[in-house]
Amino acid sequence: MSYIVKNGDYHMKKIKVLSVFGTRPEAIKMAPLVKMMENNKNIDSKVLVTGQHRQMLDSVLEIFNIQPDFDLNIMKHGQTIQDITSKVLYGVNDIIVNKFRPDLLLVHGDTSTSFSAALSAFYEKVPVGHVEAGLRTGNIYSPYPEEMNRKLIGSLATYHFSPTQNNKNNLLKENISENNILVTGNTVIDALHSVTKNDFDFSIYEDLKNINFDKKIILLTCHRRENWGKPMEDIFEAINKIALEYNEYEIVYPVHMNPAIVQLAEEKFTANNVKRIKPLEYVEFANLIAKSDFILTDSGGLQEEAPSLGKPVLVLRTETERPEAVEAGTVKVIGVSKDKIYEEIKNLITNKNVYDSMANAVNPYGDGHSCERIVTFIESLIK
């Protein structure tokens, strides 16, 4: 490790790291890493948020007590992918050129914020570290635009922090050097274990106090762009049919704020045991996962979080970039056909052997020490 001289004294050289994120899922997964770097004497860590999601992002920053050093605040009503991409590209460039030139820029996952920030860093010849690298579905339009975003980030990045060996294998097939790939586990497990509690009190939260937790809970999340329209109509109709037939279950749906999704949910969910609530803060949501019997989702992150808590997941998509959990048996991809969704949920409810098999499968996404591995790797870059 080298040293620099200041006023005649020797000081250990620090590596300058800029972490960039803009959505709630990114913030959740980056938060434990940011906090660990904050407390590391070898790292000069700064945080740039884009505000791609504004309100939801801010709530996570508050939960984890993260004070951004830079905030692009790009969020506007009705923004397009093109809006996000161009604003982040120019905004990150301004920070790098005029305010803080990092030795390493960290991005997470597959958002438009992450892709644009990585591209901006590349243009300035700043090395990029990609957290949650190597996920692939093989279909560039599913999920859209995330699959292409992560492929492009993979081409731009120098260092790749892969949750699993399978993710690493995907990168090797794309001719990424094995020396630049580190299998870490997923940082979401680090975050999840830091906030879930066995004695969590749901009654103090306005949106959860009317949920009957004496019933079995099914947690639903559904918002993916590729499910908009007919697929989402079929998803909602199948779940509503289940709710009508199995009143011993409470189906809790934190509805995405997109007005079209809100309206469709109002139209399709007629059963009184489907509880439509506002999006939850991360702590409440994490503990709701822990309280649930099983999960219905088109989300990516939940396919990692739920297995770590022993919760079966039925994925409301036609493919997944997280095949490890499918192979482990804790996640099943059931598509978007109304009849298929109905039958698969019914089977999980009525077949104890199927449920137990999924609930007791081993979580393939790590041990909660992902951030420690990444920080150790970053320290090794100090020259």
Protein backbone atom coordinates (compact mmCIF):
# COMPACT_ATOMS: atom_id res chain seq x y z
CA MET A 1 0.00 0.00 0.00
CA SER A 2 1.45 3.35 -0.97
CA TYR A 3 1.58 6.63 0.89
CA ILE A 4 1.25 10.30 0.05
CA VAL A 5 3.00 13.18 1.76
CA LYS A 6 1.08 16.12 3.26
CA ASN A 7 2.93 18.84 5.17
CA GLY A 8 5.86 16.54 5.74
CA ASP A 9 3.70 13.74 7.21
CA TYR A 10 3.00 10.39 5.59
CA HIS A 11 -0.61 9.39 5.06
CA MET A 12 -2.00 6.19 3.66
CA LYS A 13 -3.46 6.77 0.20
CA LYS A 14 -7.23 6.37 0.00
CA ILE A 15 -9.17 5.10 -2.99
CA LYS A 16 -11.88 7.51 -4.09
CA VAL A 17 -15.20 5.77 -4.70
CA LEU A 18 -18.38 7.33 -6.05
CA SER A 19 -21.56 5.25 -5.61
CA VAL A 20 -24.40 6.19 -7.96
CA PHE A 21 -28.02 5.09 -7.60
CA GLY A 22 -31.46 6.54 -8.19
CA THR A 23 -34.25 4.07 -7.39
CA ARG A 24 -35.49 2.47 -4.21
CA PRO A 25 -34.30 -1.07 -5.08
CA GLU A 26 -30.83 0.23 -5.90
CA ALA A 27 -30.70 2.24 -2.69
CA ILE A 28 -31.71 -0.76 -0.57
CA LYS A 29 -29.04 -2.97 -2.10
CA MET A 30 -26.33 -0.31 -2.08
CA ALA A 31 -27.07 1.03 1.42
CA PRO A 32 -25.17 -1.59 3.44
CA LEU A 33 -22.21 -1.25 1.07
CA VAL A 34 -22.22 2.55 1.36
CA LYS A 35 -22.36 2.33 5.15
CA MET A 36 -19.45 -0.10 5.24
CA MET A 37 -17.34 2.13 3.00
CA GLU A 38 -18.24 5.16 5.13
CA ASN A 39 -16.46 3.54 8.05
CA ASN A 40 -13.42 2.31 6.13
CA LYS A 41 -10.25 4.34 6.65
CA ASN A 42 -8.87 3.29 3.26
CA ILE A 43 -11.83 4.57 1.21
CA ASP A 44 -12.91 8.12 0.42
CA SER A 45 -16.57 7.31 -0.23
CA LYS A 46 -19.11 9.69 -1.73
CA VAL A 47 -22.69 9.13 -2.84
CA LEU A 48 -24.46 10.56 -5.88
CA VAL A 49 -28.21 10.01 -6.16
CA THR A 50 -30.12 10.78 -9.34
CA GLY A 51 -33.63 10.84 -7.93
CA GLN A 52 -34.97 8.56 -10.68
CA HIS A 53 -37.44 7.57 -7.96
CA ARG A 54 -37.76 10.53 -5.63
CA GLN A 55 -40.03 9.82 -2.68
CA MET A 56 -39.25 6.11 -2.47
CA LEU A 57 -35.52 6.76 -2.76
CA ASP A 58 -35.55 9.39 -0.02
CA SER A 59 -37.29 7.04 2.41
CA VAL A 60 -34.51 4.46 2.05
CA LEU A 61 -31.82 7.10 2.50
CA GLU A 62 -33.51 8.12 5.74
CA ILE A 63 -33.84 4.54 7.00
CA PHE A 64 -30.14 3.84 6.51
CA ASN A 65 -29.03 7.36 7.49
CA ILE A 66 -27.29 8.09 4.20
CA GLN A 67 -26.59 11.71 3.33
CA PRO A 68 -25.92 12.05 -0.42
CA ASP A 69 -22.99 14.22 -1.39
CA PHE A 70 -24.57 14.99 -4.77
CA ASP A 71 -28.21 14.91 -5.91
CA LEU A 72 -29.22 15.31 -9.56
CA ASN A 73 -32.94 15.36 -8.64
CA ILE A 74 -34.04 14.38 -12.14
CA MET A 75 -37.51 13.05 -11.25
CA LYS A 76 -40.40 14.63 -13.12
CA HIS A 77 -43.94 13.55 -13.82
CA GLY A 78 -44.28 11.44 -16.95
CA GLN A 79 -40.54 11.10 -17.50
CA THR A 80 -39.41 8.71 -20.23
CA ILE A 81 -36.45 6.35 -20.39
CA GLN A 82 -34.84 8.83 -22.75
CA ASP A 83 -35.30 11.63 -20.19
CA ILE A 84 -33.64 9.58 -17.48
CA THR A 85 -30.78 8.43 -19.68
CA SER A 86 -29.82 11.85 -20.98
CA LYS A 87 -30.16 13.68 -17.66
CA VAL A 88 -28.08 11.13 -15.77
CA LEU A 89 -25.45 11.02 -18.52
CA TYR A 90 -24.89 14.78 -18.37
CA GLY A 91 -25.36 15.06 -14.61
CA VAL A 92 -22.83 12.38 -13.69
CA ASN A 93 -20.36 13.85 -16.17
CA ASP A 94 -20.61 17.22 -14.46
CA ILE A 95 -19.87 15.68 -11.06
CA ILE A 96 -16.88 13.69 -12.35
CA VAL A 97 -15.36 16.59 -14.29
CA ASN A 98 -16.04 19.45 -11.90
CA LYS A 99 -16.62 18.16 -8.37
CA PHE A 100 -15.30 14.70 -7.56
CA ARG A 101 -13.25 12.53 -9.87
CA PRO A 102 -13.34 9.01 -8.42
CA ASP A 103 -10.86 6.18 -8.85
CA LEU A 104 -13.88 3.89 -9.08
CA LEU A 105 -17.55 4.52 -9.84
CA LEU A 106 -20.00 1.95 -8.45
CA VAL A 107 -23.39 1.24 -10.00
CA HIS A 108 -25.95 -1.39 -9.18
CA GLY A 109 -28.01 -3.80 -11.20
CA ASP A 110 -29.95 -2.82 -14.28
CA THR A 111 -31.63 0.57 -14.02
CA SER A 112 -31.38 3.38 -16.53
CA THR A 113 -29.57 5.37 -13.83
CA SER A 114 -26.92 2.65 -13.59
CA PHE A 115 -26.44 2.31 -17.34
CA SER A 116 -26.19 6.07 -17.91
CA ALA A 117 -23.81 6.58 -15.00
CA ALA A 118 -21.58 3.76 -16.23
CA LEU A 119 -21.54 5.24 -19.74
CA SER A 120 -20.68 8.68 -18.37
CA ALA A 121 -17.83 7.22 -16.32
CA PHE A 122 -16.54 5.33 -19.37
CA TYR A 123 -16.45 8.53 -21.40
CA GLU A 124 -14.22 10.04 -18.69
CA LYS A 125 -12.07 6.88 -18.45
CA VAL A 126 -13.15 6.23 -14.87
CA PRO A 127 -13.27 2.50 -14.02
CA VAL A 128 -16.74 1.15 -13.25
CA GLY A 129 -17.61 -1.48 -10.64
CA HIS A 130 -20.90 -3.27 -11.28
CA VAL A 131 -22.67 -4.58 -8.19
CA GLU A 132 -25.12 -7.43 -8.98
CA ALA A 133 -23.39 -8.23 -12.25
CA GLY A 134 -24.08 -11.07 -14.67
CA LEU A 135 -27.84 -11.53 -14.42
CA ARG A 136 -29.36 -12.54 -17.76
CA THR A 137 -32.70 -13.74 -19.15
CA GLY A 138 -31.48 -14.02 -22.73
CA ASN A 139 -34.37 -11.86 -23.97
CA ILE A 140 -33.44 -8.20 -24.45
CA TYR A 141 -37.09 -7.15 -24.11
CA SER A 142 -37.80 -9.02 -20.88
CA PRO A 143 -37.47 -7.39 -18.48
CA TYR A 144 -37.48 -4.16 -20.46
CA PRO A 145 -35.30 -2.11 -20.46
CA GLU A 146 -33.43 -3.84 -17.63
CA GLU A 147 -32.02 -6.79 -19.57
CA MET A 148 -30.31 -4.54 -22.11
CA ASN A 149 -29.20 -2.12 -19.40
CA ARG A 150 -27.32 -4.82 -17.51
CA LYS A 151 -25.76 -6.22 -20.68
CA LEU A 152 -24.50 -2.76 -21.62
CA ILE A 153 -23.21 -2.10 -18.10
CA GLY A 154 -21.40 -5.43 -18.30
CA SER A 155 -19.60 -4.19 -21.43
CA LEU A 156 -18.71 -0.86 -19.80
CA ALA A 157 -17.60 -2.11 -16.40
CA THR A 158 -14.07 -3.03 -15.35
CA TYR A 159 -15.01 -4.95 -12.19
CA HIS A 160 -17.98 -7.26 -11.83
CA PHE A 161 -19.44 -8.21 -8.44
CA SER A 162 -21.63 -11.23 -9.17
CA PRO A 163 -24.14 -12.61 -6.67
CA THR A 164 -23.70 -16.25 -7.79
CA GLN A 165 -21.44 -18.59 -9.73
CA ASN A 166 -24.10 -18.78 -12.42
CA ASN A 167 -23.89 -14.99 -12.86
CA LYS A 168 -20.12 -15.31 -13.14
CA ASN A 169 -20.54 -17.99 -15.80
CA ASN A 170 -22.77 -15.65 -17.82
CA LEU A 171 -20.01 -13.03 -17.80
CA LEU A 172 -17.33 -15.54 -18.76
CA LYS A 173 -19.43 -16.48 -21.80
CA GLU A 174 -19.33 -12.79 -22.76
CA ASN A 175 -15.52 -12.84 -22.61
CA ILE A 176 -15.21 -10.92 -19.35
CA SER A 177 -11.86 -11.69 -17.72
CA GLU A 178 -12.18 -14.03 -14.75
CA ASN A 179 -9.68 -11.84 -12.88
CA ASN A 180 -12.22 -9.00 -12.89
CA ILE A 181 -15.17 -11.04 -11.55
CA LEU A 182 -15.82 -11.61 -7.85
CA VAL A 183 -18.64 -13.84 -6.61
CA THR A 184 -20.00 -12.04 -3.55
CA GLY A 185 -23.54 -13.13 -2.81
CA ASN A 186 -26.23 -10.49 -3.05
CA THR A 187 -26.08 -7.32 -0.98
CA VAL A 188 -29.87 -7.37 -0.56
CA ILE A 189 -29.41 -10.18 1.96
CA ASP A 190 -27.11 -7.94 3.98
CA ALA A 191 -29.78 -5.22 3.93
CA LEU A 192 -32.69 -7.55 4.70
CA HIS A 193 -31.17 -9.12 7.78
CA SER A 194 -30.40 -5.68 9.18
CA VAL A 195 -34.07 -4.62 9.35
CA THR A 196 -36.29 -7.71 9.93
CA LYS A 197 -37.49 -8.48 13.46
CA ASN A 198 -39.48 -11.39 14.88
CA ASP A 199 -41.51 -9.06 17.10
CA PHE A 200 -42.21 -6.39 14.46
CA ASP A 201 -45.39 -4.42 15.33
CA PHE A 202 -47.48 -3.95 12.18
CA SER A 203 -50.33 -2.25 14.06
CA ILE A 204 -48.49 1.05 14.37
CA TYR A 205 -48.40 1.55 10.58
CA GLU A 206 -51.43 3.20 8.98
CA ASP A 207 -51.48 1.06 5.84
CA LEU A 208 -51.00 -2.21 7.71
CA LYS A 209 -53.10 -1.86 10.84
CA ASN A 210 -56.25 -3.06 9.03
CA ILE A 211 -54.64 -6.23 7.70
CA ASN A 212 -55.89 -9.35 9.49
CA PHE A 213 -52.61 -11.02 10.43
CA ASP A 214 -54.50 -13.89 12.04
CA LYS A 215 -55.08 -15.07 8.46
CA LYS A 216 -52.37 -16.46 6.23
CA ILE A 217 -50.80 -13.66 4.19
CA ILE A 218 -50.05 -13.71 0.48
CA LEU A 219 -47.88 -10.78 -0.60
CA LEU A 220 -48.39 -9.54 -4.17
CA THR A 221 -46.23 -7.12 -6.12
CA CYS A 222 -46.92 -6.45 -9.79
CA HIS A 223 -45.70 -3.48 -11.83
CA ARG A 224 -43.29 -4.60 -14.58
CA ARG A 225 -43.55 -2.68 -17.82
CA GLU A 226 -43.73 -5.87 -19.93
CA ASN A 227 -46.83 -6.93 -17.95
CA TRP A 228 -48.79 -3.77 -18.67
CA GLY A 229 -52.06 -4.35 -20.53
CA LYS A 230 -53.52 -7.82 -21.10
CA PRO A 231 -50.93 -9.76 -19.04
CA MET A 232 -51.64 -7.67 -15.95
CA GLU A 233 -55.39 -7.97 -16.47
CA ASP A 234 -55.06 -11.76 -16.52
CA ILE A 235 -52.78 -11.73 -13.47
CA PHE A 236 -55.25 -9.67 -11.45
CA GLU A 237 -58.24 -11.75 -12.53
CA ALA A 238 -56.55 -15.01 -11.57
CA ILE A 239 -55.54 -13.67 -8.16
CA ASN A 240 -58.99 -12.25 -7.53
CA LYS A 241 -60.47 -15.68 -8.27
CA ILE A 242 -58.13 -17.24 -5.72
CA ALA A 243 -59.11 -14.60 -3.15
CA LEU A 244 -62.81 -15.35 -3.63
CA GLU A 245 -62.27 -19.09 -3.19
CA TYR A 246 -59.81 -19.01 -0.28
CA ASN A 247 -61.10 -16.50 2.22
CA GLU A 248 -58.74 -17.82 4.91
CA TYR A 249 -56.01 -15.89 3.08
CA GLU A 250 -55.40 -12.14 3.11
CA ILE A 251 -53.78 -10.97 -0.13
CA VAL A 252 -51.80 -7.78 0.47
CA TYR A 253 -50.94 -5.71 -2.59
CA PRO A 254 -48.82 -2.56 -2.21
CA VAL A 255 -49.95 -0.95 -5.45
CA HIS A 256 -47.37 0.74 -7.64
CA MET A 257 -48.03 4.48 -7.98
CA ASN A 258 -48.47 4.31 -11.78
CA PRO A 259 -52.06 5.61 -12.32
CA ALA A 260 -52.85 2.94 -14.93
CA ILE A 261 -51.93 0.17 -12.48
CA VAL A 262 -53.92 1.80 -9.68
CA GLN A 263 -57.00 2.01 -11.93
CA LEU A 264 -56.70 -1.56 -13.17
CA ALA A 265 -56.32 -2.86 -9.61
CA GLU A 266 -59.48 -1.01 -8.58
CA GLU A 267 -61.38 -2.60 -11.46
CA LYS A 268 -60.16 -6.17 -11.15
CA PHE A 269 -59.90 -6.78 -7.42
CA THR A 270 -63.45 -7.26 -6.16
CA ALA A 271 -62.69 -9.70 -3.32
CA ASN A 272 -62.71 -8.05 0.09
CA ASN A 273 -59.69 -10.06 1.23
CA VAL A 274 -57.48 -8.40 -1.37
CA LYS A 275 -56.04 -5.47 0.53
CA ARG A 276 -54.74 -2.75 -1.79
CA ILE A 277 -52.39 -0.46 0.09
CA LYS A 278 -49.93 2.28 -0.75
CA PRO A 279 -46.29 1.35 -1.42
CA LEU A 280 -44.55 0.57 1.84
CA GLU A 281 -41.33 1.87 3.30
CA TYR A 282 -38.52 -0.68 3.17
CA VAL A 283 -38.59 -1.72 6.84
CA GLU A 284 -42.34 -2.41 6.80
CA PHE A 285 -42.07 -4.19 3.46
CA ALA A 286 -39.18 -6.41 4.56
CA ASN A 287 -41.06 -7.44 7.67
CA LEU A 288 -44.22 -8.07 5.63
CA ILE A 289 -42.19 -10.50 3.50
CA ALA A 290 -41.12 -12.26 6.69
CA LYS A 291 -44.75 -12.43 7.89
CA SER A 292 -46.15 -13.73 4.60
CA ASP A 293 -47.00 -17.34 3.76
CA PHE A 294 -45.76 -16.95 0.19
CA ILE A 295 -45.08 -14.34 -2.48
CA LEU A 296 -46.57 -13.53 -5.91
CA THR A 297 -44.37 -11.13 -7.83
CA ASP A 298 -43.02 -9.89 -11.14
CA SER A 299 -40.17 -8.20 -9.27
CA GLY A 300 -36.56 -9.29 -9.44
CA GLY A 301 -35.40 -8.41 -5.94
CA LEU A 302 -38.14 -10.35 -4.17
CA GLN A 303 -36.85 -13.53 -5.83
CA GLU A 304 -33.72 -13.04 -3.72
CA GLU A 305 -35.20 -11.63 -0.53
CA ALA A 306 -38.04 -14.07 0.05
CA PRO A 307 -35.92 -17.28 -0.20
CA SER A 308 -33.59 -15.96 2.49
CA LEU A 309 -36.64 -15.86 4.79
CA GLY A 310 -37.98 -19.27 3.73
CA LYS A 311 -40.87 -17.92 1.66
CA PRO A 312 -41.92 -19.63 -1.61
CA VAL A 313 -42.11 -17.32 -4.61
CA LEU A 314 -44.30 -17.65 -7.70
CA VAL A 315 -42.96 -15.39 -10.44
CA LEU A 316 -45.54 -13.67 -12.64
CA ARG A 317 -43.29 -13.54 -15.69
CA THR A 318 -42.31 -15.80 -18.56
CA GLU A 319 -38.62 -15.93 -17.63
CA THR A 320 -36.27 -14.90 -14.87
CA GLU A 321 -32.72 -13.62 -14.69
CA ARG A 322 -32.42 -15.40 -11.33
CA PRO A 323 -32.41 -19.11 -12.27
CA GLU A 324 -30.45 -20.08 -9.15
CA ALA A 325 -33.55 -19.84 -6.97
CA VAL A 326 -35.57 -21.80 -9.54
CA GLU A 327 -32.91 -24.52 -9.55
CA ALA A 328 -32.83 -24.50 -5.74
CA GLY A 329 -36.61 -25.01 -5.74
CA THR A 330 -37.67 -21.94 -3.76
CA VAL A 331 -38.86 -19.95 -6.82
CA LYS A 332 -41.14 -21.05 -9.67
CA VAL A 333 -41.80 -19.07 -12.85
CA ILE A 334 -45.50 -19.44 -13.67
CA GLY A 335 -45.98 -17.05 -16.61
CA VAL A 336 -48.84 -14.64 -17.22
CA SER A 337 -51.63 -16.95 -18.38
CA LYS A 338 -54.75 -16.52 -16.23
CA ASP A 339 -55.52 -20.24 -15.97
CA LYS A 340 -51.90 -21.19 -15.28
CA ILE A 341 -51.55 -18.59 -12.54
CA TYR A 342 -54.75 -19.77 -10.89
CA GLU A 343 -53.69 -23.43 -10.95
CA GLU A 344 -50.20 -22.77 -9.63
CA ILE A 345 -51.41 -20.63 -6.72
CA LYS A 346 -54.10 -23.20 -5.90
CA ASN A 347 -51.51 -25.98 -5.93
CA LEU A 348 -49.27 -24.08 -3.51
CA ILE A 349 -52.21 -23.47 -1.19
CA THR A 350 -53.61 -27.00 -1.22
CA ASN A 351 -50.51 -29.19 -1.57
CA LYS A 352 -48.50 -29.18 1.66
CA ASN A 353 -45.65 -31.19 0.15
CA VAL A 354 -45.21 -28.65 -2.63
CA TYR A 355 -45.28 -25.77 -0.15
CA ASP A 356 -42.83 -27.38 2.28
CA SER A 357 -40.44 -28.26 -0.52
CA MET A 358 -40.28 -24.63 -1.66
CA ALA A 359 -40.21 -23.13 1.83
CA ASN A 360 -37.32 -25.32 2.98
CA ALA A 361 -35.12 -24.91 -0.09
CA VAL A 362 -31.67 -23.43 0.48
CA ASN A 363 -31.28 -19.76 -0.38
CA PRO A 364 -28.63 -19.49 -3.13
CA TYR A 365 -27.98 -15.76 -2.73
CA GLY A 366 -25.46 -15.65 0.03
CA ASP A 367 -24.76 -15.37 3.73
CA GLY A 368 -25.14 -11.64 4.42
CA HIS A 369 -21.42 -10.85 3.98
CA SER A 370 -21.52 -9.63 0.37
CA CYS A 371 -20.57 -6.05 1.21
CA GLU A 372 -17.56 -7.18 3.20
CA ARG A 373 -16.25 -9.09 0.18
CA ILE A 374 -16.74 -6.10 -2.13
CA VAL A 375 -15.02 -3.67 0.25
CA THR A 376 -12.05 -6.02 0.66
CA PHE A 377 -11.75 -6.18 -3.13
CA ILE A 378 -11.92 -2.38 -3.45
CA GLU A 379 -9.15 -2.01 -0.85
CA SER A 380 -7.00 -4.35 -2.91
CA LEU A 381 -7.12 -1.79 -5.75
CA ILE A 382 -5.15 0.79 -3.76
CA LYS A 383 -1.75 1.31 -5.34
